[in-house]
Amino acid sequence: MAISLTTGSSNSGSNDWSDVWNNDNDLVTELDAIHDNYQTILNATSVLQQAVVAGTRFVGIQDGVSAANMTAQGGSVNGLFIYFDDADYTIASKTQKLRVRAQVCTNATAWSSVTATFGLYPVTFAGAADALTATLGTVVTGSTVAIANPSASTVNQGNSGVFAIPADGQYALGVVTSATLTAAASSFISAQLQTTHA
C-alpha cells in the first residue's frame, strides 16, 4: 500500500510546525491502515485426488498424508511449517489477531457428502534412524473453517474468523476430510495463516 502524505504545494511554509504535524498524522493514519490489513504468514497447498479416505491431513503434501515422513517427502514440503512466536509480530499499542483462510478448487466432479475442515495445528516430530516424522496435534481452538460439498468446477473459500493467539511453537495447516473423496474428483486445496493488528 502506498503512503500518501500532504503534498508540498498544500503546505504554505508559513506554519512549519503545523505542516509537520499534519504530515505526521497522515503517516500514522496510513500505517494504521496497513496494520489493519490481513497479511499472510504461512501458505500451504495440496492436491486431493479421488479415493482419498476420511482423515486429518497436512495441507502442503500430496494427498495430505497424515503422518508425513519428511525424509521421503524431501523438497515437496517447502512452506509446510511455521515456528510461531507472537513476539515476532508485536506492535506497540496494537493487539495481534490471527485467522485461517482456505480454498477448495474442484474439477468437473462435485464432492458428494464430503466436508473439508481446515485449521491450524501444533506439530510434533519423531522418527527412527534416517527418518523424520511430523504429526499433527489437536487443532487450535477457533481456527477451523469448513467447506462442504463444493460444486463441480468451482473455487470455494472461507475463513475461520479471529481466534486466540496460541502458545509459541511449531505449527502447520491441516485439513479434515469427512468421507472418502468422490470417484473422479480431483481438487486443489490451499490454506493461509493470516495476521492483523487492531
N, C-alpha and C. Protein backbone atom coordinates (compact mmCIF):
# COMPACT_ATOMS: atom_id res chain seq x y z
N MET A 1 0.85 -1.17 0.00
CA MET A 1 0.00 0.00 0.00
C MET A 1 0.89 1.24 0.00
N ALA A 2 0.62 2.18 -0.91
CA ALA A 2 1.41 3.41 -0.98
C ALA A 2 1.02 4.33 0.16
N ILE A 3 2.01 5.02 0.69
CA ILE A 3 1.76 6.00 1.74
C ILE A 3 1.59 7.36 1.09
N SER A 4 0.46 8.00 1.33
CA SER A 4 0.15 9.29 0.72
C SER A 4 0.24 10.38 1.78
N LEU A 5 1.17 11.31 1.60
CA LEU A 5 1.35 12.40 2.54
C LEU A 5 0.84 13.71 1.93
N THR A 6 0.62 14.68 2.81
CA THR A 6 0.26 16.01 2.34
C THR A 6 1.35 16.53 1.42
N THR A 7 0.98 17.03 0.25
CA THR A 7 1.98 17.48 -0.72
C THR A 7 2.58 18.81 -0.32
N GLY A 8 3.77 19.05 -0.86
CA GLY A 8 4.45 20.31 -0.56
C GLY A 8 3.63 21.51 -0.97
N SER A 9 2.90 21.41 -2.08
CA SER A 9 2.13 22.56 -2.57
C SER A 9 1.00 22.95 -1.63
N SER A 10 0.54 21.98 -0.81
CA SER A 10 -0.54 22.30 0.12
C SER A 10 0.00 22.81 1.45
N ASN A 11 1.31 22.76 1.62
CA ASN A 11 1.95 23.31 2.81
C ASN A 11 2.54 24.67 2.45
N SER A 12 2.01 25.71 3.01
CA SER A 12 2.42 27.05 2.62
C SER A 12 3.82 27.41 3.11
N GLY A 13 4.29 26.71 4.15
CA GLY A 13 5.57 27.06 4.73
C GLY A 13 5.44 28.11 5.81
N SER A 14 4.27 28.75 5.91
CA SER A 14 4.08 29.79 6.93
C SER A 14 3.76 29.18 8.28
N ASN A 15 3.38 27.90 8.29
CA ASN A 15 3.07 27.21 9.54
C ASN A 15 3.87 25.92 9.60
N ASP A 16 5.20 26.07 9.71
CA ASP A 16 6.07 24.91 9.57
C ASP A 16 5.71 23.78 10.52
N TRP A 17 5.54 24.07 11.82
CA TRP A 17 5.26 23.02 12.77
C TRP A 17 3.89 22.41 12.53
N SER A 18 2.95 23.22 12.13
CA SER A 18 1.62 22.71 11.80
C SER A 18 1.69 21.77 10.60
N ASP A 19 2.50 22.13 9.62
CA ASP A 19 2.65 21.28 8.43
C ASP A 19 3.30 19.94 8.78
N VAL A 20 4.33 19.99 9.64
CA VAL A 20 4.99 18.76 10.08
C VAL A 20 4.00 17.88 10.83
N TRP A 21 3.22 18.48 11.72
CA TRP A 21 2.23 17.72 12.50
C TRP A 21 1.21 17.07 11.59
N ASN A 22 0.73 17.82 10.59
CA ASN A 22 -0.24 17.27 9.64
C ASN A 22 0.34 16.09 8.86
N ASN A 23 1.60 16.23 8.42
CA ASN A 23 2.25 15.13 7.71
C ASN A 23 2.40 13.91 8.60
N ASP A 24 2.76 14.14 9.86
CA ASP A 24 2.91 13.05 10.81
C ASP A 24 1.57 12.33 11.02
N ASN A 25 0.50 13.08 11.14
CA ASN A 25 -0.83 12.50 11.29
C ASN A 25 -1.20 11.65 10.08
N ASP A 26 -0.89 12.16 8.89
CA ASP A 26 -1.18 11.41 7.67
C ASP A 26 -0.41 10.09 7.66
N LEU A 27 0.85 10.13 8.08
CA LEU A 27 1.67 8.93 8.11
C LEU A 27 1.12 7.91 9.10
N VAL A 28 0.74 8.36 10.28
CA VAL A 28 0.17 7.47 11.29
C VAL A 28 -1.11 6.82 10.76
N THR A 29 -1.95 7.60 10.10
CA THR A 29 -3.20 7.07 9.54
C THR A 29 -2.92 5.97 8.52
N GLU A 30 -1.95 6.21 7.64
CA GLU A 30 -1.62 5.22 6.61
C GLU A 30 -1.04 3.94 7.23
N LEU A 31 -0.15 4.09 8.22
CA LEU A 31 0.43 2.92 8.87
C LEU A 31 -0.62 2.12 9.62
N ASP A 32 -1.57 2.80 10.27
CA ASP A 32 -2.66 2.11 10.95
C ASP A 32 -3.47 1.28 9.96
N ALA A 33 -3.71 1.84 8.77
CA ALA A 33 -4.47 1.12 7.75
C ALA A 33 -3.72 -0.13 7.30
N ILE A 34 -2.38 -0.02 7.19
CA ILE A 34 -1.59 -1.19 6.81
C ILE A 34 -1.68 -2.26 7.89
N HIS A 35 -1.56 -1.87 9.15
CA HIS A 35 -1.62 -2.84 10.24
C HIS A 35 -2.98 -3.51 10.31
N ASP A 36 -4.04 -2.81 9.93
CA ASP A 36 -5.39 -3.36 9.98
C ASP A 36 -5.65 -4.39 8.88
N ASN A 37 -4.85 -4.37 7.82
CA ASN A 37 -5.00 -5.34 6.74
C ASN A 37 -4.45 -6.70 7.17
N TYR A 38 -5.04 -7.77 6.66
CA TYR A 38 -4.51 -9.11 6.93
C TYR A 38 -3.28 -9.37 6.06
N GLN A 39 -2.23 -9.92 6.68
CA GLN A 39 -1.02 -10.32 5.99
C GLN A 39 -0.87 -11.84 6.14
N THR A 40 -0.49 -12.52 5.06
CA THR A 40 -0.30 -13.97 5.11
C THR A 40 1.09 -14.29 5.63
N ILE A 41 1.16 -15.13 6.68
CA ILE A 41 2.45 -15.51 7.24
C ILE A 41 2.78 -16.98 6.99
N LEU A 42 1.81 -17.76 6.52
CA LEU A 42 2.05 -19.15 6.12
C LEU A 42 1.04 -19.51 5.06
N ASN A 43 1.51 -20.12 3.96
CA ASN A 43 0.63 -20.54 2.88
C ASN A 43 1.01 -21.97 2.50
N ALA A 44 0.02 -22.84 2.40
CA ALA A 44 0.27 -24.24 2.04
C ALA A 44 -0.77 -24.70 1.03
N THR A 45 -0.36 -25.56 0.10
CA THR A 45 -1.25 -26.07 -0.95
C THR A 45 -1.04 -27.57 -1.14
N SER A 46 -2.10 -28.25 -1.56
CA SER A 46 -2.04 -29.69 -1.85
C SER A 46 -3.02 -30.02 -2.97
N VAL A 47 -2.89 -31.23 -3.47
CA VAL A 47 -3.90 -31.79 -4.38
C VAL A 47 -4.52 -33.00 -3.69
N LEU A 48 -5.85 -33.05 -3.67
CA LEU A 48 -6.57 -34.22 -3.16
C LEU A 48 -7.22 -34.92 -4.34
N GLN A 49 -6.95 -36.21 -4.49
CA GLN A 49 -7.48 -37.00 -5.59
C GLN A 49 -8.61 -37.91 -5.11
N GLN A 50 -9.33 -38.48 -6.06
CA GLN A 50 -10.38 -39.45 -5.74
C GLN A 50 -9.84 -40.56 -4.84
N ALA A 51 -10.72 -41.11 -4.04
CA ALA A 51 -10.44 -42.25 -3.16
C ALA A 51 -9.59 -41.88 -1.95
N VAL A 52 -9.23 -40.58 -1.76
CA VAL A 52 -8.60 -40.17 -0.51
C VAL A 52 -9.63 -40.37 0.60
N VAL A 53 -9.27 -41.14 1.62
CA VAL A 53 -10.25 -41.51 2.65
C VAL A 53 -10.37 -40.41 3.71
N ALA A 54 -11.41 -40.53 4.52
CA ALA A 54 -11.62 -39.58 5.61
C ALA A 54 -10.42 -39.57 6.54
N GLY A 55 -10.07 -38.40 7.06
CA GLY A 55 -8.96 -38.33 7.99
C GLY A 55 -8.43 -36.92 8.13
N THR A 56 -7.45 -36.76 9.02
CA THR A 56 -6.79 -35.48 9.25
C THR A 56 -5.46 -35.49 8.54
N ARG A 57 -5.20 -34.46 7.73
CA ARG A 57 -4.03 -34.44 6.87
C ARG A 57 -3.33 -33.08 6.90
N PHE A 58 -2.07 -33.10 6.50
CA PHE A 58 -1.34 -31.86 6.26
C PHE A 58 -1.86 -31.20 4.98
N VAL A 59 -1.97 -29.89 4.98
CA VAL A 59 -2.09 -29.14 3.74
C VAL A 59 -0.66 -28.77 3.37
N GLY A 60 -0.21 -29.18 2.19
CA GLY A 60 1.15 -28.89 1.78
C GLY A 60 1.91 -30.12 1.34
N ILE A 61 1.29 -31.31 1.44
CA ILE A 61 1.89 -32.55 0.98
C ILE A 61 0.89 -33.25 0.08
N GLN A 62 1.37 -33.85 -1.01
CA GLN A 62 0.48 -34.53 -1.95
C GLN A 62 -0.47 -35.47 -1.22
N ASP A 63 -1.76 -35.30 -1.44
CA ASP A 63 -2.82 -36.06 -0.80
C ASP A 63 -2.81 -35.90 0.72
N GLY A 64 -2.01 -34.94 1.23
CA GLY A 64 -2.07 -34.53 2.62
C GLY A 64 -1.84 -35.62 3.63
N VAL A 65 -0.88 -36.54 3.39
CA VAL A 65 -0.70 -37.69 4.27
C VAL A 65 -0.68 -37.28 5.73
N SER A 66 -1.24 -38.14 6.60
CA SER A 66 -1.48 -37.75 7.98
C SER A 66 -0.24 -37.83 8.86
N ALA A 67 0.66 -38.75 8.59
CA ALA A 67 1.91 -38.82 9.36
C ALA A 67 3.04 -38.72 8.34
N ALA A 68 3.49 -37.51 8.11
CA ALA A 68 4.37 -37.25 6.98
C ALA A 68 5.81 -37.62 7.30
N ASN A 69 6.43 -38.45 6.46
CA ASN A 69 7.84 -38.75 6.56
C ASN A 69 8.60 -37.68 5.80
N MET A 70 9.21 -36.75 6.53
CA MET A 70 9.89 -35.63 5.91
C MET A 70 11.07 -36.08 5.05
N THR A 71 11.72 -37.16 5.43
CA THR A 71 12.87 -37.65 4.67
C THR A 71 12.42 -38.10 3.28
N ALA A 72 11.31 -38.82 3.23
CA ALA A 72 10.80 -39.31 1.95
C ALA A 72 10.23 -38.19 1.10
N GLN A 73 9.58 -37.22 1.75
CA GLN A 73 8.94 -36.14 1.00
C GLN A 73 9.97 -35.18 0.40
N GLY A 74 11.11 -35.02 1.06
CA GLY A 74 12.16 -34.16 0.53
C GLY A 74 11.70 -32.73 0.31
N GLY A 75 12.01 -32.18 -0.88
CA GLY A 75 11.75 -30.78 -1.16
C GLY A 75 10.28 -30.42 -1.30
N SER A 76 9.38 -31.41 -1.30
CA SER A 76 7.97 -31.11 -1.53
C SER A 76 7.28 -30.49 -0.32
N VAL A 77 8.01 -30.36 0.79
CA VAL A 77 7.37 -29.84 2.00
C VAL A 77 7.70 -28.37 2.24
N ASN A 78 8.28 -27.69 1.26
CA ASN A 78 8.59 -26.27 1.43
C ASN A 78 7.33 -25.49 1.78
N GLY A 79 7.42 -24.62 2.79
CA GLY A 79 6.27 -23.81 3.17
C GLY A 79 5.28 -24.53 4.06
N LEU A 80 5.62 -25.73 4.51
CA LEU A 80 4.66 -26.52 5.27
C LEU A 80 4.53 -26.05 6.72
N PHE A 81 5.64 -25.67 7.34
CA PHE A 81 5.65 -25.37 8.77
C PHE A 81 5.99 -23.91 9.05
N ILE A 82 5.57 -23.46 10.23
CA ILE A 82 6.00 -22.16 10.74
C ILE A 82 6.26 -22.29 12.23
N TYR A 83 7.36 -21.69 12.69
CA TYR A 83 7.54 -21.57 14.13
C TYR A 83 6.88 -20.25 14.51
N PHE A 84 5.78 -20.34 15.21
CA PHE A 84 5.03 -19.13 15.56
C PHE A 84 5.45 -18.62 16.92
N ASP A 85 5.89 -17.37 16.96
CA ASP A 85 6.23 -16.68 18.20
C ASP A 85 5.57 -15.32 18.12
N ASP A 86 4.55 -15.07 18.96
CA ASP A 86 3.80 -13.82 18.84
C ASP A 86 4.68 -12.59 19.02
N ALA A 87 5.82 -12.73 19.71
CA ALA A 87 6.72 -11.58 19.89
C ALA A 87 7.27 -11.09 18.56
N ASP A 88 7.32 -11.97 17.55
CA ASP A 88 7.82 -11.57 16.24
C ASP A 88 6.91 -10.56 15.56
N TYR A 89 5.67 -10.46 16.01
CA TYR A 89 4.68 -9.62 15.35
C TYR A 89 4.17 -8.50 16.24
N THR A 90 4.83 -8.28 17.38
CA THR A 90 4.37 -7.28 18.33
C THR A 90 4.48 -5.87 17.75
N ILE A 91 3.41 -5.10 17.89
CA ILE A 91 3.40 -3.68 17.53
C ILE A 91 2.86 -2.93 18.74
N ALA A 92 3.61 -1.93 19.18
CA ALA A 92 3.23 -1.17 20.37
C ALA A 92 1.81 -0.65 20.24
N SER A 93 1.02 -0.79 21.29
CA SER A 93 -0.36 -0.32 21.41
C SER A 93 -1.33 -1.02 20.47
N LYS A 94 -0.88 -2.13 19.84
CA LYS A 94 -1.76 -2.90 18.95
C LYS A 94 -1.92 -4.31 19.49
N THR A 95 -3.05 -4.93 19.20
CA THR A 95 -3.32 -6.31 19.59
C THR A 95 -3.30 -7.19 18.34
N GLN A 96 -2.46 -8.23 18.36
CA GLN A 96 -2.38 -9.12 17.22
C GLN A 96 -3.59 -10.03 17.15
N LYS A 97 -4.04 -10.30 15.92
CA LYS A 97 -5.13 -11.24 15.67
C LYS A 97 -4.68 -12.22 14.60
N LEU A 98 -5.23 -13.43 14.65
CA LEU A 98 -4.96 -14.47 13.65
C LEU A 98 -6.26 -15.00 13.08
N ARG A 99 -6.18 -15.49 11.85
CA ARG A 99 -7.28 -16.24 11.26
C ARG A 99 -6.70 -17.21 10.22
N VAL A 100 -7.48 -18.24 9.86
CA VAL A 100 -7.14 -19.15 8.78
C VAL A 100 -8.11 -18.91 7.64
N ARG A 101 -7.57 -18.74 6.43
CA ARG A 101 -8.39 -18.66 5.22
C ARG A 101 -8.09 -19.90 4.39
N ALA A 102 -9.11 -20.48 3.74
CA ALA A 102 -8.92 -21.72 3.00
C ALA A 102 -9.72 -21.74 1.71
N GLN A 103 -9.25 -22.55 0.75
CA GLN A 103 -9.90 -22.67 -0.55
C GLN A 103 -9.92 -24.13 -1.00
N VAL A 104 -10.99 -24.51 -1.70
CA VAL A 104 -11.08 -25.80 -2.39
C VAL A 104 -11.48 -25.50 -3.83
N CYS A 105 -10.64 -25.91 -4.77
CA CYS A 105 -10.91 -25.71 -6.20
C CYS A 105 -11.14 -27.09 -6.82
N THR A 106 -12.27 -27.27 -7.48
CA THR A 106 -12.67 -28.60 -7.94
C THR A 106 -12.57 -28.75 -9.46
N ASN A 107 -12.45 -30.02 -9.89
CA ASN A 107 -12.55 -30.32 -11.32
C ASN A 107 -14.03 -30.48 -11.69
N ALA A 108 -14.31 -31.18 -12.77
CA ALA A 108 -15.69 -31.31 -13.23
C ALA A 108 -16.52 -32.29 -12.42
N THR A 109 -15.95 -32.84 -11.35
CA THR A 109 -16.69 -33.75 -10.47
C THR A 109 -16.92 -33.08 -9.12
N ALA A 110 -18.17 -32.88 -8.77
CA ALA A 110 -18.50 -32.28 -7.48
C ALA A 110 -18.20 -33.25 -6.35
N TRP A 111 -17.95 -32.71 -5.17
CA TRP A 111 -17.81 -33.56 -3.98
C TRP A 111 -19.22 -33.96 -3.53
N SER A 112 -19.39 -35.21 -3.20
CA SER A 112 -20.69 -35.70 -2.75
C SER A 112 -20.60 -36.06 -1.27
N SER A 113 -21.27 -35.29 -0.42
CA SER A 113 -21.32 -35.54 1.02
C SER A 113 -19.93 -35.58 1.66
N VAL A 114 -19.06 -34.66 1.24
CA VAL A 114 -17.73 -34.55 1.82
C VAL A 114 -17.49 -33.11 2.25
N THR A 115 -17.05 -32.94 3.48
CA THR A 115 -16.69 -31.62 4.00
C THR A 115 -15.20 -31.59 4.30
N ALA A 116 -14.54 -30.51 3.90
CA ALA A 116 -13.14 -30.28 4.24
C ALA A 116 -13.10 -29.20 5.32
N THR A 117 -12.54 -29.53 6.47
CA THR A 117 -12.44 -28.57 7.57
C THR A 117 -10.97 -28.27 7.83
N PHE A 118 -10.58 -27.04 7.54
CA PHE A 118 -9.20 -26.60 7.66
C PHE A 118 -8.95 -26.00 9.04
N GLY A 119 -7.70 -26.03 9.48
CA GLY A 119 -7.36 -25.40 10.75
C GLY A 119 -5.86 -25.34 10.97
N LEU A 120 -5.48 -24.68 12.04
CA LEU A 120 -4.08 -24.57 12.43
C LEU A 120 -3.79 -25.62 13.50
N TYR A 121 -2.70 -26.37 13.31
CA TYR A 121 -2.37 -27.49 14.20
C TYR A 121 -0.94 -27.36 14.73
N PRO A 122 -0.73 -27.68 16.02
CA PRO A 122 0.64 -27.84 16.50
C PRO A 122 1.24 -29.11 15.89
N VAL A 123 2.56 -29.13 15.75
CA VAL A 123 3.24 -30.26 15.12
C VAL A 123 4.29 -30.81 16.08
N THR A 124 4.36 -32.15 16.15
CA THR A 124 5.43 -32.80 16.89
C THR A 124 6.27 -33.62 15.91
N PHE A 125 7.53 -33.85 16.29
CA PHE A 125 8.46 -34.57 15.42
C PHE A 125 9.03 -35.78 16.15
N ALA A 126 9.26 -36.85 15.39
CA ALA A 126 9.88 -38.06 15.90
C ALA A 126 10.52 -38.76 14.70
N GLY A 127 10.86 -40.04 14.86
CA GLY A 127 11.38 -40.80 13.73
C GLY A 127 12.49 -41.74 14.14
N ALA A 128 12.52 -42.90 13.47
CA ALA A 128 13.58 -43.87 13.67
C ALA A 128 14.83 -43.40 12.92
N ALA A 129 15.84 -44.27 12.84
CA ALA A 129 17.08 -43.91 12.15
C ALA A 129 16.82 -43.50 10.70
N ASP A 130 17.44 -42.40 10.32
CA ASP A 130 17.36 -41.89 8.94
C ASP A 130 15.95 -41.51 8.52
N ALA A 131 15.09 -41.19 9.47
CA ALA A 131 13.72 -40.77 9.14
C ALA A 131 13.28 -39.69 10.11
N LEU A 132 12.46 -38.80 9.62
CA LEU A 132 11.87 -37.76 10.46
C LEU A 132 10.39 -37.72 10.17
N THR A 133 9.58 -37.94 11.18
CA THR A 133 8.13 -37.98 11.01
C THR A 133 7.49 -36.80 11.74
N ALA A 134 6.63 -36.10 11.05
CA ALA A 134 5.88 -34.99 11.63
C ALA A 134 4.43 -35.41 11.80
N THR A 135 3.85 -35.08 12.95
CA THR A 135 2.47 -35.47 13.25
C THR A 135 1.68 -34.27 13.75
N LEU A 136 0.47 -34.11 13.24
CA LEU A 136 -0.41 -33.03 13.68
C LEU A 136 -1.00 -33.35 15.05
N GLY A 137 -1.07 -32.33 15.92
CA GLY A 137 -1.70 -32.48 17.22
C GLY A 137 -3.17 -32.08 17.17
N THR A 138 -3.66 -31.49 18.24
CA THR A 138 -5.06 -31.06 18.33
C THR A 138 -5.21 -29.67 17.73
N VAL A 139 -6.21 -29.51 16.89
CA VAL A 139 -6.40 -28.24 16.19
C VAL A 139 -6.56 -27.08 17.19
N VAL A 140 -6.01 -25.93 16.84
CA VAL A 140 -6.11 -24.74 17.68
C VAL A 140 -7.58 -24.29 17.73
N THR A 141 -8.09 -24.09 18.93
CA THR A 141 -9.49 -23.71 19.11
C THR A 141 -9.81 -22.42 18.33
N GLY A 142 -10.90 -22.46 17.58
CA GLY A 142 -11.36 -21.29 16.85
C GLY A 142 -10.73 -21.09 15.49
N SER A 143 -9.76 -21.95 15.13
CA SER A 143 -9.03 -21.74 13.86
C SER A 143 -9.64 -22.46 12.68
N THR A 144 -10.76 -23.18 12.87
CA THR A 144 -11.28 -24.02 11.79
C THR A 144 -12.21 -23.27 10.85
N VAL A 145 -12.19 -23.71 9.59
CA VAL A 145 -13.13 -23.23 8.58
C VAL A 145 -13.54 -24.42 7.72
N ALA A 146 -14.86 -24.64 7.59
CA ALA A 146 -15.38 -25.81 6.88
C ALA A 146 -15.90 -25.42 5.50
N ILE A 147 -15.57 -26.25 4.51
CA ILE A 147 -16.11 -26.09 3.15
C ILE A 147 -16.80 -27.39 2.80
N ALA A 148 -18.12 -27.35 2.66
CA ALA A 148 -18.92 -28.56 2.49
C ALA A 148 -19.40 -28.72 1.05
N ASN A 149 -19.25 -29.94 0.53
CA ASN A 149 -19.83 -30.34 -0.76
C ASN A 149 -19.59 -29.33 -1.88
N PRO A 150 -18.34 -28.96 -2.16
CA PRO A 150 -18.11 -27.98 -3.23
C PRO A 150 -18.60 -28.50 -4.58
N SER A 151 -19.21 -27.62 -5.33
CA SER A 151 -19.76 -27.97 -6.64
C SER A 151 -18.64 -28.19 -7.67
N ALA A 152 -19.01 -28.76 -8.81
CA ALA A 152 -18.05 -29.02 -9.87
C ALA A 152 -17.50 -27.71 -10.45
N SER A 153 -16.22 -27.73 -10.77
CA SER A 153 -15.55 -26.63 -11.47
C SER A 153 -15.76 -25.28 -10.77
N THR A 154 -15.53 -25.25 -9.46
CA THR A 154 -15.73 -24.02 -8.70
C THR A 154 -14.53 -23.75 -7.80
N VAL A 155 -14.43 -22.48 -7.37
CA VAL A 155 -13.50 -22.08 -6.32
C VAL A 155 -14.33 -21.76 -5.10
N ASN A 156 -14.09 -22.46 -4.01
CA ASN A 156 -14.85 -22.29 -2.78
C ASN A 156 -13.89 -21.81 -1.69
N GLN A 157 -14.31 -20.85 -0.89
CA GLN A 157 -13.39 -20.30 0.11
C GLN A 157 -14.14 -19.84 1.35
N GLY A 158 -13.39 -19.68 2.41
CA GLY A 158 -13.95 -19.17 3.66
C GLY A 158 -12.83 -18.86 4.62
N ASN A 159 -13.19 -18.31 5.78
CA ASN A 159 -12.18 -18.07 6.81
C ASN A 159 -12.75 -18.37 8.18
N SER A 160 -11.84 -18.60 9.12
CA SER A 160 -12.22 -19.03 10.47
C SER A 160 -12.76 -17.91 11.33
N GLY A 161 -12.49 -16.67 10.94
CA GLY A 161 -12.69 -15.57 11.87
C GLY A 161 -11.51 -15.53 12.83
N VAL A 162 -11.48 -14.52 13.67
CA VAL A 162 -10.34 -14.30 14.56
C VAL A 162 -10.34 -15.35 15.68
N PHE A 163 -9.16 -15.86 16.02
CA PHE A 163 -9.03 -16.78 17.15
C PHE A 163 -7.88 -16.35 18.05
N ALA A 164 -7.87 -16.89 19.25
CA ALA A 164 -6.87 -16.50 20.26
C ALA A 164 -5.47 -16.93 19.83
N ILE A 165 -4.49 -16.09 20.16
CA ILE A 165 -3.10 -16.38 19.83
C ILE A 165 -2.67 -17.65 20.58
N PRO A 166 -2.14 -18.66 19.86
CA PRO A 166 -1.71 -19.89 20.54
C PRO A 166 -0.33 -19.73 21.18
N ALA A 167 0.06 -20.73 21.94
CA ALA A 167 1.39 -20.74 22.55
C ALA A 167 2.46 -20.78 21.47
N ASP A 168 3.63 -20.23 21.78
CA ASP A 168 4.75 -20.30 20.84
C ASP A 168 5.06 -21.75 20.53
N GLY A 169 5.37 -22.03 19.26
CA GLY A 169 5.73 -23.39 18.89
C GLY A 169 5.64 -23.62 17.40
N GLN A 170 5.85 -24.87 16.98
CA GLN A 170 5.83 -25.26 15.58
C GLN A 170 4.39 -25.59 15.18
N TYR A 171 3.96 -25.04 14.03
CA TYR A 171 2.58 -25.23 13.58
C TYR A 171 2.55 -25.55 12.09
N ALA A 172 1.43 -26.15 11.68
CA ALA A 172 1.16 -26.41 10.27
C ALA A 172 -0.33 -26.25 10.02
N LEU A 173 -0.69 -26.07 8.76
CA LEU A 173 -2.09 -26.03 8.37
C LEU A 173 -2.53 -27.44 8.01
N GLY A 174 -3.67 -27.85 8.55
CA GLY A 174 -4.18 -29.20 8.29
C GLY A 174 -5.61 -29.14 7.80
N VAL A 175 -6.08 -30.29 7.32
CA VAL A 175 -7.46 -30.39 6.84
C VAL A 175 -8.04 -31.75 7.24
N VAL A 176 -9.28 -31.74 7.70
CA VAL A 176 -10.01 -32.97 7.99
C VAL A 176 -11.02 -33.19 6.87
N THR A 177 -10.93 -34.34 6.21
CA THR A 177 -11.95 -34.72 5.22
C THR A 177 -12.91 -35.68 5.90
N SER A 178 -14.19 -35.43 5.72
CA SER A 178 -15.21 -36.15 6.49
C SER A 178 -15.56 -37.51 5.92
N ALA A 179 -15.22 -37.76 4.65
CA ALA A 179 -15.56 -39.03 4.00
C ALA A 179 -14.61 -39.24 2.83
N THR A 180 -14.66 -40.43 2.22
CA THR A 180 -13.82 -40.72 1.06
C THR A 180 -14.19 -39.79 -0.09
N LEU A 181 -13.15 -39.21 -0.73
CA LEU A 181 -13.41 -38.26 -1.81
C LEU A 181 -14.10 -38.96 -2.99
N THR A 182 -15.03 -38.27 -3.59
CA THR A 182 -15.85 -38.80 -4.67
C THR A 182 -15.00 -39.33 -5.83
N ALA A 183 -15.42 -40.45 -6.41
CA ALA A 183 -14.73 -41.02 -7.57
C ALA A 183 -14.63 -39.99 -8.68
N ALA A 184 -13.47 -39.90 -9.31
CA ALA A 184 -13.15 -38.98 -10.42
C ALA A 184 -12.91 -37.55 -9.96
N ALA A 185 -13.03 -37.29 -8.67
CA ALA A 185 -12.77 -35.93 -8.17
C ALA A 185 -11.26 -35.68 -8.09
N SER A 186 -10.88 -34.47 -8.43
CA SER A 186 -9.50 -34.01 -8.24
C SER A 186 -9.60 -32.56 -7.84
N SER A 187 -8.98 -32.23 -6.71
CA SER A 187 -9.16 -30.89 -6.16
C SER A 187 -7.84 -30.29 -5.71
N PHE A 188 -7.72 -29.00 -5.92
CA PHE A 188 -6.59 -28.23 -5.41
C PHE A 188 -7.07 -27.56 -4.13
N ILE A 189 -6.37 -27.80 -3.03
CA ILE A 189 -6.75 -27.16 -1.78
C ILE A 189 -5.61 -26.27 -1.31
N SER A 190 -5.95 -25.19 -0.65
CA SER A 190 -4.93 -24.28 -0.12
C SER A 190 -5.45 -23.63 1.15
N ALA A 191 -4.53 -23.24 2.00
CA ALA A 191 -4.89 -22.57 3.25
C ALA A 191 -3.79 -21.59 3.62
N GLN A 192 -4.20 -20.52 4.30
CA GLN A 192 -3.26 -19.48 4.71
C GLN A 192 -3.49 -19.14 6.18
N LEU A 193 -2.41 -18.97 6.91
CA LEU A 193 -2.47 -18.39 8.24
C LEU A 193 -2.20 -16.90 8.07
N GLN A 194 -3.14 -16.07 8.55
CA GLN A 194 -3.05 -14.63 8.34
C GLN A 194 -3.07 -13.89 9.67
N THR A 195 -2.44 -12.73 9.69
CA THR A 195 -2.38 -11.94 10.90
C THR A 195 -2.75 -10.49 10.60
N THR A 196 -3.27 -9.82 11.61
CA THR A 196 -3.55 -8.40 11.54
C THR A 196 -3.43 -7.84 12.95
N HIS A 197 -3.56 -6.53 13.08
CA HIS A 197 -3.47 -5.86 14.38
C HIS A 197 -4.62 -4.86 14.53
N ALA A 198 -5.06 -4.69 15.74
CA ALA A 198 -6.16 -3.72 15.98
C ALA A 198 -5.87 -2.97 17.27
